[in-house]
PDB file of N, CA and C in Angstrom:
ATOM      1  N   MET A   1     -21.508 -79.431  39.071  1.00  0.00           N
ATOM      2  CA  MET A   1     -21.144 -78.544  37.992  1.00  0.00           C
ATOM      3  C   MET A   1     -22.135 -77.919  37.219  1.00  0.00           C
ATOM      4  N   ASN A   2     -22.118 -76.693  37.040  1.00  0.00           N
ATOM      5  CA  ASN A   2     -23.273 -75.717  36.664  1.00  0.00           C
ATOM      6  C   ASN A   2     -23.243 -75.862  35.173  1.00  0.00           C
ATOM      7  N   ARG A   3     -24.272 -75.486  34.535  1.00  0.00           N
ATOM      8  CA  ARG A   3     -24.680 -75.630  33.195  1.00  0.00           C
ATOM      9  C   ARG A   3     -23.484 -75.059  32.149  1.00  0.00           C
ATOM     10  N   ASP A   4     -23.260 -73.770  32.399  1.00  0.00           N
ATOM     11  CA  ASP A   4     -22.084 -73.114  31.675  1.00  0.00           C
ATOM     12  C   ASP A   4     -20.943 -73.817  31.654  1.00  0.00           C
ATOM     13  N   LEU A   5     -20.433 -74.268  32.857  1.00  0.00           N
ATOM     14  CA  LEU A   5     -19.011 -74.969  33.131  1.00  0.00           C
ATOM     15  C   LEU A   5     -19.239 -76.550  32.335  1.00  0.00           C
ATOM     16  N   TYR A   6     -20.250 -77.087  32.321  1.00  0.00           N
ATOM     17  CA  TYR A   6     -20.437 -78.485  31.801  1.00  0.00           C
ATOM     18  C   TYR A   6     -20.483 -78.076  30.139  1.00  0.00           C
ATOM     19  N   ILE A   7     -21.014 -77.157  29.747  1.00  0.00           N
ATOM     20  CA  ILE A   7     -20.903 -76.994  28.236  1.00  0.00           C
ATOM     21  C   ILE A   7     -19.591 -76.423  27.884  1.00  0.00           C
ATOM     22  N   ARG A   8     -18.970 -75.709  28.593  1.00  0.00           N
ATOM     23  CA  ARG A   8     -17.648 -75.086  28.055  1.00  0.00           C
ATOM     24  C   ARG A   8     -16.544 -76.414  28.426  1.00  0.00           C
ATOM     25  N   SER A   9     -16.580 -77.078  29.305  1.00  0.00           N
ATOM     26  CA  SER A   9     -15.744 -78.397  29.563  1.00  0.00           C
ATOM     27  C   SER A   9     -16.019 -79.203  28.377  1.00  0.00           C
ATOM     28  N   LEU A  10     -17.252 -79.522  28.195  1.00  0.00           N
ATOM     29  CA  LEU A  10     -17.520 -80.523  27.201  1.00  0.00           C
ATOM     30  C   LEU A  10     -17.011 -80.242  25.759  1.00  0.00           C
ATOM     31  N   LEU A  11     -17.065 -78.781  25.452  1.00  0.00           N
ATOM     32  CA  LEU A  11     -16.729 -78.323  24.195  1.00  0.00           C
ATOM     33  C   LEU A  11     -15.226 -78.218  24.099  1.00  0.00           C
ATOM     34  N   ALA A  12     -14.712 -78.042  25.279  1.00  0.00           N
ATOM     35  CA  ALA A  12     -13.011 -77.943  25.318  1.00  0.00           C
ATOM     36  C   ALA A  12     -12.544 -79.274  25.070  1.00  0.00           C
ATOM     37  N   LEU A  13     -13.182 -80.162  25.857  1.00  0.00           N
ATOM     38  CA  LEU A  13     -12.631 -81.646  25.630  1.00  0.00           C
ATOM     39  C   LEU A  13     -12.675 -82.014  24.269  1.00  0.00           C
ATOM     40  N   TYR A  14     -13.925 -81.961  23.739  1.00  0.00           N
ATOM     41  CA  TYR A  14     -14.350 -82.218  22.187  1.00  0.00           C
ATOM     42  C   TYR A  14     -13.242 -81.730  21.200  1.00  0.00           C
ATOM     43  N   LEU A  15     -13.008 -80.356  21.313  1.00  0.00           N
ATOM     44  CA  LEU A  15     -12.129 -79.885  20.500  1.00  0.00           C
ATOM     45  C   LEU A  15     -10.633 -80.207  20.678  1.00  0.00           C
ATOM     46  N   GLY A  16     -10.353 -80.523  21.956  1.00  0.00           N
ATOM     47  CA  GLY A  16      -9.001 -80.995  22.205  1.00  0.00           C
ATOM     48  C   GLY A  16      -8.492 -82.392  21.955  1.00  0.00           C
ATOM     49  N   LEU A  17      -9.517 -83.079  21.399  1.00  0.00           N
ATOM     50  CA  LEU A  17      -9.355 -84.523  21.109  1.00  0.00           C
ATOM     51  C   LEU A  17      -8.474 -84.427  19.639  1.00  0.00           C
ATOM     52  N   PRO A  18      -7.704 -85.452  19.610  1.00  0.00           N
ATOM     53  CA  PRO A  18      -7.043 -85.795  18.211  1.00  0.00           C
ATOM     54  C   PRO A  18      -8.254 -86.389  17.377  1.00  0.00           C
ATOM     55  N   HIS A  19      -8.157 -86.143  16.059  1.00  0.00           N
ATOM     56  CA  HIS A  19      -9.005 -86.767  15.140  1.00  0.00           C
ATOM     57  C   HIS A  19     -10.347 -85.935  15.025  1.00  0.00           C
ATOM     58  N   THR A  20     -10.415 -84.856  15.642  1.00  0.00           N
ATOM     59  CA  THR A  20     -11.519 -83.876  15.275  1.00  0.00           C
ATOM     60  C   THR A  20     -11.070 -82.799  14.428  1.00  0.00           C
ATOM     61  N   ALA A  21     -12.060 -82.483  13.449  1.00  0.00           N
ATOM     62  CA  ALA A  21     -11.704 -81.447  12.480  1.00  0.00           C
ATOM     63  C   ALA A  21     -11.825 -80.047  12.902  1.00  0.00           C
ATOM     64  N   ALA A  22     -12.944 -79.872  13.824  1.00  0.00           N
ATOM     65  CA  ALA A  22     -13.393 -78.474  14.337  1.00  0.00           C
ATOM     66  C   ALA A  22     -12.053 -77.804  14.922  1.00  0.00           C
ATOM     67  N   ARG A  23     -12.158 -76.497  14.794  1.00  0.00           N
ATOM     68  CA  ARG A  23     -11.290 -75.820  15.585  1.00  0.00           C
ATOM     69  C   ARG A  23     -12.031 -74.896  16.575  1.00  0.00           C
ATOM     70  N   ARG A  24     -13.351 -74.836  16.281  1.00  0.00           N
ATOM     71  CA  ARG A  24     -14.294 -74.117  17.195  1.00  0.00           C
ATOM     72  C   ARG A  24     -15.668 -74.772  17.205  1.00  0.00           C
ATOM     73  N   PRO A  25     -16.279 -74.766  18.360  1.00  0.00           N
ATOM     74  CA  PRO A  25     -17.484 -75.540  18.301  1.00  0.00           C
ATOM     75  C   PRO A  25     -18.606 -74.943  17.312  1.00  0.00           C
ATOM     76  N   SER A  26     -19.355 -75.658  16.587  1.00  0.00           N
ATOM     77  CA  SER A  26     -20.491 -75.173  15.700  1.00  0.00           C
ATOM     78  C   SER A  26     -21.605 -74.917  16.595  1.00  0.00           C
ATOM     79  N   THR A  27     -22.635 -74.165  16.015  1.00  0.00           N
ATOM     80  CA  THR A  27     -23.888 -73.899  16.858  1.00  0.00           C
ATOM     81  C   THR A  27     -24.492 -75.267  17.241  1.00  0.00           C
ATOM     82  N   ALA A  28     -24.618 -76.237  16.457  1.00  0.00           N
ATOM     83  CA  ALA A  28     -25.103 -77.565  16.660  1.00  0.00           C
ATOM     84  C   ALA A  28     -24.344 -78.238  17.737  1.00  0.00           C
ATOM     85  N   ASP A  29     -23.041 -77.981  17.849  1.00  0.00           N
ATOM     86  CA  ASP A  29     -22.321 -78.696  18.938  1.00  0.00           C
ATOM     87  C   ASP A  29     -22.687 -78.086  20.369  1.00  0.00           C
ATOM     88  N   ARG A  30     -22.909 -76.736  20.315  1.00  0.00           N
ATOM     89  CA  ARG A  30     -23.263 -76.139  21.504  1.00  0.00           C
ATOM     90  C   ARG A  30     -24.710 -76.333  22.079  1.00  0.00           C
ATOM     91  N   MET A  31     -25.430 -76.669  20.961  1.00  0.00           N
ATOM     92  CA  MET A  31     -26.859 -77.055  21.354  1.00  0.00           C
ATOM     93  C   MET A  31     -26.941 -78.305  21.774  1.00  0.00           C
ATOM     94  N   LEU A  32     -25.932 -79.292  21.341  1.00  0.00           N
ATOM     95  CA  LEU A  32     -26.050 -80.688  21.818  1.00  0.00           C
ATOM     96  C   LEU A  32     -25.364 -80.606  23.320  1.00  0.00           C
ATOM     97  N   ALA A  33     -24.343 -79.941  23.340  1.00  0.00           N
ATOM     98  CA  ALA A  33     -23.830 -79.964  24.820  1.00  0.00           C
ATOM     99  C   ALA A  33     -24.742 -79.366  25.907  1.00  0.00           C
ATOM    100  N   ALA A  34     -25.540 -78.332  25.531  1.00  0.00           N
ATOM    101  CA  ALA A  34     -26.616 -77.901  26.512  1.00  0.00           C
ATOM    102  C   ALA A  34     -27.679 -78.942  26.577  1.00  0.00           C
ATOM    103  N   LYS A  35     -28.043 -79.628  25.498  1.00  0.00           N
ATOM    104  CA  LYS A  35     -29.145 -80.601  25.705  1.00  0.00           C
ATOM    105  C   LYS A  35     -28.646 -81.709  26.558  1.00  0.00           C
ATOM    106  N   LEU A  36     -27.399 -82.245  26.429  1.00  0.00           N
ATOM    107  CA  LEU A  36     -26.806 -83.309  27.314  1.00  0.00           C
ATOM    108  C   LEU A  36     -27.051 -82.869  28.752  1.00  0.00           C
ATOM    109  N   PHE A  37     -26.658 -81.567  29.204  1.00  0.00           N
ATOM    110  CA  PHE A  37     -26.756 -81.023  30.453  1.00  0.00           C
ATOM    111  C   PHE A  37     -28.124 -81.081  30.912  1.00  0.00           C
ATOM    112  N   ASP A  38     -29.028 -80.650  29.875  1.00  0.00           N
ATOM    113  CA  ASP A  38     -30.476 -80.365  30.309  1.00  0.00           C
ATOM    114  C   ASP A  38     -31.127 -81.892  30.615  1.00  0.00           C
ATOM    115  N   GLN A  39     -30.427 -82.860  29.756  1.00  0.00           N
ATOM    116  CA  GLN A  39     -31.182 -84.239  29.977  1.00  0.00           C
ATOM    117  C   GLN A  39     -30.569 -84.964  31.241  1.00  0.00           C
ATOM    118  N   ASN A  40     -29.802 -84.346  31.953  1.00  0.00           N
ATOM    119  CA  ASN A  40     -29.082 -84.796  33.237  1.00  0.00           C
ATOM    120  C   ASN A  40     -28.043 -85.900  32.943  1.00  0.00           C
ATOM    121  N   VAL A  41     -27.396 -85.868  31.869  1.00  0.00           N
ATOM    122  CA  VAL A  41     -26.361 -86.895  31.407  1.00  0.00           C
ATOM    123  C   VAL A  41     -25.164 -86.465  32.272  1.00  0.00           C
ATOM    124  N   PRO A  42     -24.761 -87.298  33.232  1.00  0.00           N
ATOM    125  CA  PRO A  42     -23.408 -87.036  34.058  1.00  0.00           C
ATOM    126  C   PRO A  42     -22.387 -86.701  33.269  1.00  0.00           C
ATOM    127  N   TRP A  43     -21.613 -85.741  33.911  1.00  0.00           N
ATOM    128  CA  TRP A  43     -20.397 -85.324  33.243  1.00  0.00           C
ATOM    129  C   TRP A  43     -19.387 -86.535  33.065  1.00  0.00           C
ATOM    130  N   LYS A  44     -19.459 -87.594  34.071  1.00  0.00           N
ATOM    131  CA  LYS A  44     -18.660 -88.650  33.909  1.00  0.00           C
ATOM    132  C   LYS A  44     -19.017 -89.493  32.715  1.00  0.00           C
ATOM    133  N   THR A  45     -20.149 -89.620  32.554  1.00  0.00           N
ATOM    134  CA  THR A  45     -20.671 -90.552  31.302  1.00  0.00           C
ATOM    135  C   THR A  45     -20.214 -89.771  30.075  1.00  0.00           C
ATOM    136  N   VAL A  46     -20.307 -88.507  29.858  1.00  0.00           N
ATOM    137  CA  VAL A  46     -20.057 -87.788  28.765  1.00  0.00           C
ATOM    138  C   VAL A  46     -18.360 -87.876  28.491  1.00  0.00           C
ATOM    139  N   GLU A  47     -17.785 -87.548  29.643  1.00  0.00           N
ATOM    140  CA  GLU A  47     -16.278 -87.555  29.357  1.00  0.00           C
ATOM    141  C   GLU A  47     -15.698 -89.010  29.061  1.00  0.00           C
ATOM    142  N   THR A  48     -16.320 -89.998  29.867  1.00  0.00           N
ATOM    143  CA  THR A  48     -15.899 -91.337  29.678  1.00  0.00           C
ATOM    144  C   THR A  48     -16.267 -91.641  28.044  1.00  0.00           C
ATOM    145  N   ALA A  49     -17.267 -91.381  27.651  1.00  0.00           N
ATOM    146  CA  ALA A  49     -17.675 -91.623  26.262  1.00  0.00           C
ATOM    147  C   ALA A  49     -16.706 -91.049  25.108  1.00  0.00           C
ATOM    148  N   LEU A  50     -16.428 -89.872  25.374  1.00  0.00           N
ATOM    149  CA  LEU A  50     -15.579 -89.284  24.394  1.00  0.00           C
ATOM    150  C   LEU A  50     -14.255 -90.005  24.467  1.00  0.00           C
ATOM    151  N   LEU A  51     -13.668 -90.283  25.695  1.00  0.00           N
ATOM    152  CA  LEU A  51     -12.321 -90.780  25.756  1.00  0.00           C
ATOM    153  C   LEU A  51     -12.458 -92.149  25.258  1.00  0.00           C
ATOM    154  N   LEU A  52     -13.444 -92.997  25.603  1.00  0.00           N
ATOM    155  CA  LEU A  52     -13.708 -94.432  25.023  1.00  0.00           C
ATOM    156  C   LEU A  52     -13.753 -94.355  23.549  1.00  0.00           C
ATOM    157  N   THR A  53     -14.505 -93.416  22.972  1.00  0.00           N
ATOM    158  CA  THR A  53     -14.546 -93.486  21.458  1.00  0.00           C
ATOM    159  C   THR A  53     -13.260 -93.082  20.802  1.00  0.00           C
ATOM    160  N   LEU A  54     -12.544 -92.239  21.378  1.00  0.00           N
ATOM    161  CA  LEU A  54     -11.124 -91.874  20.983  1.00  0.00           C
ATOM    162  C   LEU A  54     -10.263 -93.171  21.005  1.00  0.00           C
ATOM    163  N   ALA A  55     -10.287 -93.965  22.169  1.00  0.00           N
ATOM    164  CA  ALA A  55      -9.509 -94.973  22.462  1.00  0.00           C
ATOM    165  C   ALA A  55      -9.764 -96.249  21.323  1.00  0.00           C
ATOM    166  N   ARG A  56     -11.105 -96.334  21.136  1.00  0.00           N
ATOM    167  CA  ARG A  56     -11.628 -97.444  20.103  1.00  0.00           C
ATOM    168  C   ARG A  56     -11.077 -96.909  18.813  1.00  0.00           C
ATOM    169  N   ARG A  57     -10.992 -95.690  18.459  1.00  0.00           N
ATOM    170  CA  ARG A  57     -10.549 -95.288  17.033  1.00  0.00           C
ATOM    171  C   ARG A  57      -8.860 -95.628  16.974  1.00  0.00           C
ATOM    172  N   LEU A  58      -8.247 -95.254  18.034  1.00  0.00           N
ATOM    173  CA  LEU A  58      -6.834 -95.629  18.067  1.00  0.00           C
ATOM    174  C   LEU A  58      -6.488 -96.945  18.049  1.00  0.00           C
ATOM    175  N   ASN A  59      -7.330 -97.769  18.668  1.00  0.00           N
ATOM    176  CA  ASN A  59      -6.882 -99.324  18.680  1.00  0.00           C
ATOM    177  C   ASN A  59      -7.527-100.033  17.531  1.00  0.00           C
ATOM    178  N   ARG A  60      -7.775 -99.410  16.396  1.00  0.00           N
ATOM    179  CA  ARG A  60      -8.431-100.158  15.270  1.00  0.00           C
ATOM    180  C   ARG A  60      -7.169-100.981  14.598  1.00  0.00           C
ATOM    181  N   ASP A  61      -7.483-101.912  13.786  1.00  0.00           N
ATOM    182  CA  ASP A  61      -6.522-102.462  13.053  1.00  0.00           C
ATOM    183  C   ASP A  61      -5.776-101.555  12.098  1.00  0.00           C
ATOM    184  N   PRO A  62      -4.498-101.532  11.995  1.00  0.00           N
ATOM    185  CA  PRO A  62      -3.886-100.532  11.212  1.00  0.00           C
ATOM    186  C   PRO A  62      -4.189-100.880   9.648  1.00  0.00           C
ATOM    187  N   GLN A  63      -4.449-102.103   9.451  1.00  0.00           N
ATOM    188  CA  GLN A  63      -4.805-102.485   7.987  1.00  0.00           C
ATOM    189  C   GLN A  63      -5.970-101.959   7.528  1.00  0.00           C
ATOM    190  N   ASP A  64      -6.948-101.589   8.452  1.00  0.00           N
ATOM    191  CA  ASP A  64      -8.387-100.999   8.046  1.00  0.00           C
ATOM    192  C   ASP A  64      -8.096 -99.690   7.380  1.00  0.00           C
ATOM    193  N   PRO A  65      -9.070 -99.337   6.512  1.00  0.00           N
ATOM    194  CA  PRO A  65      -8.931 -97.999   5.886  1.00  0.00           C
ATOM    195  C   PRO A  65      -9.105 -96.890   7.003  1.00  0.00           C
ATOM    196  N   PRO A  66      -8.333 -95.709   6.808  1.00  0.00           N
ATOM    197  CA  PRO A  66      -8.487 -94.826   7.631  1.00  0.00           C
ATOM    198  C   PRO A  66      -9.972 -94.096   7.855  1.00  0.00           C
ATOM    199  N   LEU A  67     -10.207 -93.765   8.967  1.00  0.00           N
ATOM    200  CA  LEU A  67     -11.346 -93.077   9.542  1.00  0.00           C
ATOM    201  C   LEU A  67     -11.433 -91.501   8.937  1.00  0.00           C
ATOM    202  N   ASN A  68     -12.473 -91.027   8.744  1.00  0.00           N
ATOM    203  CA  ASN A  68     -12.485 -89.562   8.448  1.00  0.00           C
ATOM    204  C   ASN A  68     -12.444 -88.897   9.855  1.00  0.00           C
ATOM    205  N   LEU A  69     -12.080 -87.638   9.798  1.00  0.00           N
ATOM    206  CA  LEU A  69     -12.004 -86.912  10.938  1.00  0.00           C
ATOM    207  C   LEU A  69     -13.481 -86.660  11.614  1.00  0.00           C
ATOM    208  N   ILE A  70     -13.438 -86.545  12.889  1.00  0.00           N
ATOM    209  CA  ILE A  70     -14.762 -86.266  13.498  1.00  0.00           C
ATOM    210  C   ILE A  70     -15.159 -84.919  13.270  1.00  0.00           C
ATOM    211  N   ARG A  71     -16.283 -84.572  12.794  1.00  0.00           N
ATOM    212  CA  ARG A  71     -16.763 -83.218  12.448  1.00  0.00           C
ATOM    213  C   ARG A  71     -17.900 -82.781  13.405  1.00  0.00           C
ATOM    214  N   SER A  72     -18.335 -83.596  14.296  1.00  0.00           N
ATOM    215  CA  SER A  72     -19.474 -83.162  15.123  1.00  0.00           C
ATOM    216  C   SER A  72     -19.463 -83.798  16.444  1.00  0.00           C
ATOM    217  N   LEU A  73     -19.927 -83.142  17.539  1.00  0.00           N
ATOM    218  CA  LEU A  73     -20.134 -83.738  18.866  1.00  0.00           C
ATOM    219  C   LEU A  73     -21.201 -84.902  18.737  1.00  0.00           C
ATOM    220  N   ALA A  74     -21.954 -84.813  17.792  1.00  0.00           N
ATOM    221  CA  ALA A  74     -23.040 -85.851  17.675  1.00  0.00           C
ATOM    222  C   ALA A  74     -22.323 -87.297  17.322  1.00  0.00           C
ATOM    223  N   TYR A  75     -21.239 -87.370  16.892  1.00  0.00           N
ATOM    224  CA  TYR A  75     -20.383 -88.574  16.588  1.00  0.00           C
ATOM    225  C   TYR A  75     -20.367 -89.285  18.034  1.00  0.00           C
ATOM    226  N   PHE A  76     -20.362 -88.725  19.041  1.00  0.00           N
ATOM    227  CA  PHE A  76     -20.255 -89.512  20.356  1.00  0.00           C
ATOM    228  C   PHE A  76     -21.403 -90.033  21.023  1.00  0.00           C
ATOM    229  N   LEU A  77     -22.501 -89.546  20.362  1.00  0.00           N
ATOM    230  CA  LEU A  77     -23.813 -90.000  20.939  1.00  0.00           C
ATOM    231  C   LEU A  77     -24.141 -91.497  21.048  1.00  0.00           C
ATOM    232  N   PRO A  78     -23.686 -92.223  20.150  1.00  0.00           N
ATOM    233  CA  PRO A  78     -23.832 -93.791  20.424  1.00  0.00           C
ATOM    234  C   PRO A  78     -23.153 -94.113  21.587  1.00  0.00           C
ATOM    235  N   THR A  79     -21.893 -93.785  21.791  1.00  0.00           N
ATOM    236  CA  THR A  79     -21.137 -94.227  23.086  1.00  0.00           C
ATOM    237  C   THR A  79     -21.747 -93.500  24.260  1.00  0.00           C
ATOM    238  N   ILE A  80     -22.334 -92.393  24.180  1.00  0.00           N
ATOM    239  CA  ILE A  80     -22.856 -91.748  25.341  1.00  0.00           C
ATOM    240  C   ILE A  80     -24.131 -92.632  25.723  1.00  0.00           C
ATOM    241  N   ASP A  81     -24.873 -93.095  24.786  1.00  0.00           N
ATOM    242  CA  ASP A  81     -26.128 -93.885  24.946  1.00  0.00           C
ATOM    243  C   ASP A  81     -25.658 -95.161  25.572  1.00  0.00           C
ATOM    244  N   GLU A  82     -24.625 -95.793  25.043  1.00  0.00           N
ATOM    245  CA  GLU A  82     -24.115 -97.125  25.559  1.00  0.00           C
ATOM    246  C   GLU A  82     -23.668 -97.058  26.962  1.00  0.00           C
ATOM    247  N   LEU A  83     -22.992 -96.108  27.376  1.00  0.00           N
ATOM    248  CA  LEU A  83     -22.417 -95.856  28.731  1.00  0.00           C
ATOM    249  C   LEU A  83     -23.573 -95.467  29.768  1.00  0.00           C
ATOM    250  N   ALA A  84     -24.811 -94.767  29.155  1.00  0.00           N
ATOM    251  CA  ALA A  84     -25.916 -94.535  30.038  1.00  0.00           C
ATOM    252  C   ALA A  84     -26.644 -95.866  30.478  1.00  0.00           C
ATOM    253  N   LYS A  85     -26.496 -96.760  29.482  1.00  0.00           N
ATOM    254  CA  LYS A  85     -27.218 -98.055  29.674  1.00  0.00           C
ATOM    255  C   LYS A  85     -26.155 -99.069  30.592  1.00  0.00           C
ATOM    256  N   TYR A  86     -24.989 -98.944  30.427  1.00  0.00           N
ATOM    257  CA  TYR A  86     -24.020 -99.838  30.915  1.00  0.00           C
ATOM    258  C   TYR A  86     -22.864 -98.947  31.415  1.00  0.00           C
ATOM    259  N   PRO A  87     -23.022 -98.337  32.640  1.00  0.00           N
ATOM    260  CA  PRO A  87     -21.864 -97.528  33.187  1.00  0.00           C
ATOM    261  C   PRO A  87     -20.658 -98.256  33.550  1.00  0.00           C
ATOM    262  N   HIS A  88     -19.470 -97.527  33.395  1.00  0.00           N
ATOM    263  CA  HIS A  88     -18.315 -98.038  33.707  1.00  0.00           C
ATOM    264  C   HIS A  88     -17.858 -97.507  35.035  1.00  0.00           C
ATOM    265  N   CYS A  89     -17.002 -98.130  35.635  1.00  0.00           N
ATOM    266  CA  CYS A  89     -16.420 -97.604  37.176  1.00  0.00           C
ATOM    267  C   CYS A  89     -15.452 -96.414  37.051  1.00  0.00           C
ATOM    268  N   ASP A  90     -15.153 -95.810  38.118  1.00  0.00           N
ATOM    269  CA  ASP A  90     -14.267 -94.690  38.082  1.00  0.00           C
ATOM    270  C   ASP A  90     -12.895 -95.156  37.586  1.00  0.00           C
ATOM    271  N   SER A  91     -12.424 -96.281  38.004  1.00  0.00           N
ATOM    272  CA  SER A  91     -11.124 -96.716  37.651  1.00  0.00           C
ATOM    273  C   SER A  91     -11.035 -96.825  36.216  1.00  0.00           C
ATOM    274  N   TYR A  92     -11.996 -97.201  35.495  1.00  0.00           N
ATOM    275  CA  TYR A  92     -11.999 -97.327  34.009  1.00  0.00           C
ATOM    276  C   TYR A  92     -11.709 -95.837  33.407  1.00  0.00           C
ATOM    277  N   LEU A  93     -12.411 -94.837  34.011  1.00  0.00           N
ATOM    278  CA  LEU A  93     -12.194 -93.592  33.479  1.00  0.00           C
ATOM    279  C   LEU A  93     -10.607 -93.217  33.695  1.00  0.00           C
ATOM    280  N   ARG A  94     -10.177 -93.455  34.844  1.00  0.00           N
ATOM    281  CA  ARG A  94      -8.796 -93.241  35.228  1.00  0.00           C
ATOM    282  C   ARG A  94      -7.877 -93.897  34.209  1.00  0.00           C
ATOM    283  N   ARG A  95      -8.186 -95.092  33.779  1.00  0.00           N
ATOM    284  CA  ARG A  95      -7.263 -95.804  32.869  1.00  0.00           C
ATOM    285  C   ARG A  95      -7.193 -95.093  31.573  1.00  0.00           C
ATOM    286  N   LEU A  96      -8.484 -94.712  31.040  1.00  0.00           N
ATOM    287  CA  LEU A  96      -8.560 -94.043  29.787  1.00  0.00           C
ATOM    288  C   LEU A  96      -7.836 -92.724  29.879  1.00  0.00           C
ATOM    289  N   HIS A  97      -7.916 -91.990  30.950  1.00  0.00           N
ATOM    290  CA  HIS A  97      -6.949 -90.677  31.218  1.00  0.00           C
ATOM    291  C   HIS A  97      -5.508 -91.127  31.184  1.00  0.00           C
ATOM    292  N   ASP A  98      -5.094 -92.106  31.770  1.00  0.00           N
ATOM    293  CA  ASP A  98      -3.742 -92.557  31.643  1.00  0.00           C
ATOM    294  C   ASP A  98      -3.275 -92.818  30.209  1.00  0.00           C
ATOM    295  N   LYS A  99      -4.119 -93.606  29.540  1.00  0.00           N
ATOM    296  CA  LYS A  99      -3.675 -94.098  28.289  1.00  0.00           C
ATOM    297  C   LYS A  99      -3.713 -92.856  27.253  1.00  0.00           C
ATOM    298  N   LEU A 100      -4.524 -91.909  27.312  1.00  0.00           N
ATOM    299  CA  LEU A 100      -4.652 -90.905  26.430  1.00  0.00           C
ATOM    300  C   LEU A 100      -3.886 -89.690  26.871  1.00  0.00           C
ATOM    301  N   ASP A 101      -3.439 -89.473  28.106  1.00  0.00           N
ATOM    302  CA  ASP A 101      -2.889 -88.309  28.459  1.00  0.00           C
ATOM    303  C   ASP A 101      -1.759 -87.621  27.666  1.00  0.00           C
ATOM    304  N   HIS A 102      -1.135 -88.355  27.031  1.00  0.00           N
ATOM    305  CA  HIS A 102       0.133 -88.035  26.093  1.00  0.00           C
ATOM    306  C   HIS A 102      -0.626 -87.356  24.696  1.00  0.00           C
ATOM    307  N   MET A 103      -1.913 -87.486  24.560  1.00  0.00           N
ATOM    308  CA  MET A 103      -2.546 -87.035  23.278  1.00  0.00           C
ATOM    309  C   MET A 103      -3.521 -85.952  23.655  1.00  0.00           C
ATOM    310  N   ILE A 104      -3.887 -85.758  24.884  1.00  0.00           N
ATOM    311  CA  ILE A 104      -4.878 -84.598  24.971  1.00  0.00           C
ATOM    312  C   ILE A 104      -4.457 -83.657  26.191  1.00  0.00           C
ATOM    313  N   ASP A 105      -4.594 -82.504  25.821  1.00  0.00           N
ATOM    314  CA  ASP A 105      -4.286 -81.346  27.012  1.00  0.00           C
ATOM    315  C   ASP A 105      -5.512 -81.316  27.915  1.00  0.00           C
ATOM    316  N   PHE A 106      -5.446 -82.116  28.954  1.00  0.00           N
ATOM    317  CA  PHE A 106      -6.515 -82.108  29.928  1.00  0.00           C
ATOM    318  C   PHE A 106      -6.636 -80.795  30.569  1.00  0.00           C
ATOM    319  N   SER A 107      -5.459 -80.147  30.659  1.00  0.00           N
ATOM    320  CA  SER A 107      -5.579 -78.917  31.527  1.00  0.00           C
ATOM    321  C   SER A 107      -6.284 -77.865  30.726  1.00  0.00           C
ATOM    322  N   ALA A 108      -6.524 -78.023  29.406  1.00  0.00           N
ATOM    323  CA  ALA A 108      -7.434 -76.911  28.657  1.00  0.00           C
ATOM    324  C   ALA A 108      -8.940 -77.054  29.117  1.00  0.00           C
ATOM    325  N   VAL A 109      -9.212 -78.370  29.630  1.00  0.00           N
ATOM    326  CA  VAL A 109     -10.515 -78.712  30.014  1.00  0.00           C
ATOM    327  C   VAL A 109     -10.704 -78.419  31.512  1.00  0.00           C
ATOM    328  N   TRP A 110      -9.862 -78.776  32.362  1.00  0.00           N
ATOM    329  CA  TRP A 110     -10.020 -78.706  33.741  1.00  0.00           C
ATOM    330  C   TRP A 110      -9.026 -77.747  34.385  1.00  0.00           C
ATOM    331  N   GLY A 111      -8.166 -77.165  33.751  1.00  0.00           N
ATOM    332  CA  GLY A 111      -7.130 -76.397  34.471  1.00  0.00           C
ATOM    333  C   GLY A 111      -6.171 -77.368  34.777  1.00  0.00           C
ATOM    334  N   GLU A 112      -4.970 -76.787  35.278  1.00  0.00           N
ATOM    335  CA  GLU A 112      -3.788 -77.562  35.742  1.00  0.00           C
ATOM    336  C   GLU A 112      -4.322 -78.625  36.783  1.00  0.00           C
ATOM    337  N   ARG A 113      -3.921 -79.731  36.674  1.00  0.00           N
ATOM    338  CA  ARG A 113      -4.154 -80.761  37.519  1.00  0.00           C
ATOM    339  C   ARG A 113      -3.039 -81.300  38.474  1.00  0.00           C
TER     340      ARG A 113
END
């Protein structure tokens, strides 16, 4: 995946997630997406991190106070770092896709599948 596609895909995925406040990426979000590419963070790691973070938010105890909306791509950095240290297998990413497919328009990120 080339740099422009990586950045566009990452920002499209981020903006397409529920629980995000942004309607379009900020300059800081664009810079962070570029930095992740430049640091050779694999697309699979970034994609899995965003989906895993969302799944964790959705699986919280309903009695817990509600979380604020996600306002920055930087919100996902701890999970990106976690997955860089402890990668998950491809089947894990597929399970996240299956679990979240009804909530995310993946075609906006990758085109029709």
